[in-house]
Amino acid sequence: MDAANRSQQHQATPSFAELFTPKLITVLREGYGRTKFQADLVAGLTVAIVAQFHSRLLRGALA
């Protein structure tokens, strides 16, 4: 590793405050907005529905 790479890595070291900032704050600062939230909400609901369906299928097969 050369000196330029080492200096870039040293500058990229986060501060104490950056290390202990809650992830929610970090994500909101990076631009997590309404459209991404809606996409995540739909994905989460889809997973919940599929998991519920799968659970009911297993209960029926085991009963």
N, C-alpha and C. Protein backbone atom coordinates (compact mmCIF):
# COMPACT_ATOMS: atom_id res chain seq x y z
N MET A 1 0.85 -1.17 0.00
CA MET A 1 0.00 0.00 0.00
C MET A 1 0.90 1.24 0.00
N ASP A 2 0.59 2.18 -0.86
CA ASP A 2 1.44 3.37 -0.92
C ASP A 2 0.93 4.46 0.02
N ALA A 3 1.68 5.54 0.09
CA ALA A 3 1.37 6.62 1.04
C ALA A 3 0.05 7.31 0.73
N ALA A 4 -0.31 7.43 -0.55
CA ALA A 4 -1.57 8.09 -0.92
C ALA A 4 -2.77 7.29 -0.41
N ASN A 5 -2.72 5.98 -0.56
CA ASN A 5 -3.81 5.14 -0.07
C ASN A 5 -3.93 5.20 1.44
N ARG A 6 -2.78 5.21 2.12
CA ARG A 6 -2.81 5.28 3.59
C ARG A 6 -3.38 6.60 4.07
N SER A 7 -3.04 7.69 3.40
CA SER A 7 -3.57 8.99 3.83
C SER A 7 -5.07 9.09 3.57
N GLN A 8 -5.55 8.48 2.48
CA GLN A 8 -6.99 8.49 2.21
C GLN A 8 -7.73 7.66 3.25
N GLN A 9 -7.17 6.53 3.63
CA GLN A 9 -7.81 5.70 4.65
C GLN A 9 -7.81 6.40 6.00
N HIS A 10 -6.75 7.11 6.31
CA HIS A 10 -6.67 7.83 7.58
C HIS A 10 -7.71 8.94 7.63
N GLN A 11 -7.93 9.64 6.54
CA GLN A 11 -8.91 10.71 6.49
C GLN A 11 -10.33 10.16 6.58
N ALA A 12 -10.55 8.94 6.13
CA ALA A 12 -11.88 8.35 6.13
C ALA A 12 -12.28 7.80 7.50
N THR A 13 -11.41 7.85 8.48
CA THR A 13 -11.73 7.35 9.81
C THR A 13 -12.81 8.24 10.44
N PRO A 14 -13.96 7.66 10.80
CA PRO A 14 -15.05 8.46 11.36
C PRO A 14 -14.73 8.96 12.77
N SER A 15 -15.33 10.07 13.12
CA SER A 15 -15.14 10.63 14.45
C SER A 15 -15.97 9.85 15.47
N PHE A 16 -15.76 10.15 16.74
CA PHE A 16 -16.52 9.50 17.81
C PHE A 16 -18.02 9.75 17.65
N ALA A 17 -18.39 11.00 17.34
CA ALA A 17 -19.81 11.34 17.17
C ALA A 17 -20.42 10.61 15.98
N GLU A 18 -19.66 10.49 14.90
CA GLU A 18 -20.17 9.78 13.72
C GLU A 18 -20.37 8.29 14.01
N LEU A 19 -19.50 7.73 14.82
CA LEU A 19 -19.63 6.31 15.15
C LEU A 19 -20.87 6.00 15.97
N PHE A 20 -21.28 6.95 16.81
CA PHE A 20 -22.40 6.69 17.72
C PHE A 20 -23.66 7.47 17.36
N THR A 21 -23.75 7.95 16.12
CA THR A 21 -24.99 8.57 15.63
C THR A 21 -25.96 7.44 15.29
N PRO A 22 -27.21 7.52 15.73
CA PRO A 22 -28.18 6.47 15.41
C PRO A 22 -28.32 6.29 13.90
N LYS A 23 -28.51 5.05 13.48
CA LYS A 23 -28.60 4.74 12.05
C LYS A 23 -29.77 5.47 11.39
N LEU A 24 -30.87 5.65 12.10
CA LEU A 24 -32.01 6.37 11.53
C LEU A 24 -31.61 7.77 11.10
N ILE A 25 -30.85 8.46 11.93
CA ILE A 25 -30.40 9.82 11.61
C ILE A 25 -29.48 9.78 10.39
N THR A 26 -28.57 8.83 10.35
CA THR A 26 -27.65 8.71 9.23
C THR A 26 -28.40 8.47 7.92
N VAL A 27 -29.36 7.56 7.94
CA VAL A 27 -30.12 7.22 6.74
C VAL A 27 -30.95 8.41 6.27
N LEU A 28 -31.58 9.11 7.19
CA LEU A 28 -32.37 10.28 6.80
C LEU A 28 -31.49 11.37 6.19
N ARG A 29 -30.29 11.55 6.71
CA ARG A 29 -29.36 12.53 6.15
C ARG A 29 -28.91 12.16 4.74
N GLU A 30 -28.83 10.88 4.46
CA GLU A 30 -28.36 10.42 3.15
C GLU A 30 -29.44 10.47 2.08
N GLY A 31 -30.65 10.87 2.43
CA GLY A 31 -31.68 11.07 1.42
C GLY A 31 -32.77 10.01 1.38
N TYR A 32 -32.97 9.29 2.46
CA TYR A 32 -34.06 8.32 2.52
C TYR A 32 -35.36 9.10 2.59
N GLY A 33 -36.13 9.03 1.54
CA GLY A 33 -37.33 9.85 1.46
C GLY A 33 -38.61 9.03 1.36
N ARG A 34 -39.65 9.71 0.97
CA ARG A 34 -40.98 9.12 0.91
C ARG A 34 -41.06 7.95 -0.07
N THR A 35 -40.46 8.10 -1.25
CA THR A 35 -40.55 7.04 -2.25
C THR A 35 -39.84 5.77 -1.79
N LYS A 36 -38.68 5.92 -1.18
CA LYS A 36 -37.98 4.74 -0.67
C LYS A 36 -38.75 4.11 0.49
N PHE A 37 -39.35 4.96 1.34
CA PHE A 37 -40.14 4.44 2.45
C PHE A 37 -41.33 3.64 1.93
N GLN A 38 -42.02 4.17 0.92
CA GLN A 38 -43.17 3.46 0.37
C GLN A 38 -42.75 2.12 -0.24
N ALA A 39 -41.62 2.11 -0.94
CA ALA A 39 -41.13 0.86 -1.53
C ALA A 39 -40.81 -0.15 -0.43
N ASP A 40 -40.16 0.29 0.63
CA ASP A 40 -39.83 -0.60 1.75
C ASP A 40 -41.09 -1.09 2.46
N LEU A 41 -42.09 -0.22 2.57
CA LEU A 41 -43.35 -0.60 3.21
C LEU A 41 -44.06 -1.69 2.41
N VAL A 42 -44.13 -1.51 1.10
CA VAL A 42 -44.77 -2.52 0.25
C VAL A 42 -44.00 -3.84 0.31
N ALA A 43 -42.68 -3.76 0.29
CA ALA A 43 -41.87 -4.98 0.39
C ALA A 43 -42.10 -5.69 1.72
N GLY A 44 -42.16 -4.93 2.79
CA GLY A 44 -42.40 -5.52 4.11
C GLY A 44 -43.77 -6.17 4.21
N LEU A 45 -44.78 -5.51 3.67
CA LEU A 45 -46.13 -6.09 3.69
C LEU A 45 -46.19 -7.36 2.84
N THR A 46 -45.50 -7.35 1.71
CA THR A 46 -45.46 -8.54 0.86
C THR A 46 -44.83 -9.72 1.60
N VAL A 47 -43.74 -9.48 2.27
CA VAL A 47 -43.07 -10.53 3.05
C VAL A 47 -43.99 -11.03 4.16
N ALA A 48 -44.69 -10.12 4.82
CA ALA A 48 -45.60 -10.52 5.90
C ALA A 48 -46.73 -11.40 5.38
N ILE A 49 -47.27 -11.05 4.23
CA ILE A 49 -48.37 -11.83 3.64
C ILE A 49 -47.88 -13.21 3.23
N VAL A 50 -46.74 -13.27 2.57
CA VAL A 50 -46.19 -14.56 2.13
C VAL A 50 -45.85 -15.43 3.35
N ALA A 51 -45.29 -14.85 4.39
CA ALA A 51 -44.95 -15.61 5.60
C ALA A 51 -46.21 -16.15 6.26
N GLN A 52 -47.26 -15.35 6.31
CA GLN A 52 -48.52 -15.80 6.91
C GLN A 52 -49.12 -16.94 6.09
N PHE A 53 -49.08 -16.81 4.78
CA PHE A 53 -49.60 -17.86 3.90
C PHE A 53 -48.80 -19.14 4.09
N HIS A 54 -47.50 -19.03 4.15
CA HIS A 54 -46.63 -20.19 4.33
C HIS A 54 -46.90 -20.85 5.69
N SER A 55 -47.07 -20.04 6.71
CA SER A 55 -47.34 -20.56 8.05
C SER A 55 -48.65 -21.35 8.07
N ARG A 56 -49.67 -20.81 7.41
CA ARG A 56 -50.96 -21.51 7.37
C ARG A 56 -50.86 -22.81 6.57
N LEU A 57 -50.07 -22.80 5.51
CA LEU A 57 -49.88 -24.04 4.75
C LEU A 57 -49.21 -25.11 5.60
N LEU A 58 -48.19 -24.71 6.36
CA LEU A 58 -47.50 -25.67 7.21
C LEU A 58 -48.41 -26.21 8.30
N ARG A 59 -49.23 -25.35 8.88
CA ARG A 59 -50.15 -25.82 9.92
C ARG A 59 -51.15 -26.81 9.35
N GLY A 60 -51.61 -26.56 8.13
CA GLY A 60 -52.55 -27.48 7.49
C GLY A 60 -51.90 -28.81 7.16
N ALA A 61 -50.64 -28.77 6.76
CA ALA A 61 -49.94 -30.00 6.40
C ALA A 61 -49.59 -30.82 7.64
N LEU A 62 -49.36 -30.15 8.76
CA LEU A 62 -48.98 -30.85 9.98
C LEU A 62 -50.19 -31.33 10.78
N ALA A 63 -51.35 -30.77 10.53
CA ALA A 63 -52.54 -31.11 11.32
C ALA A 63 -53.19 -32.38 10.84
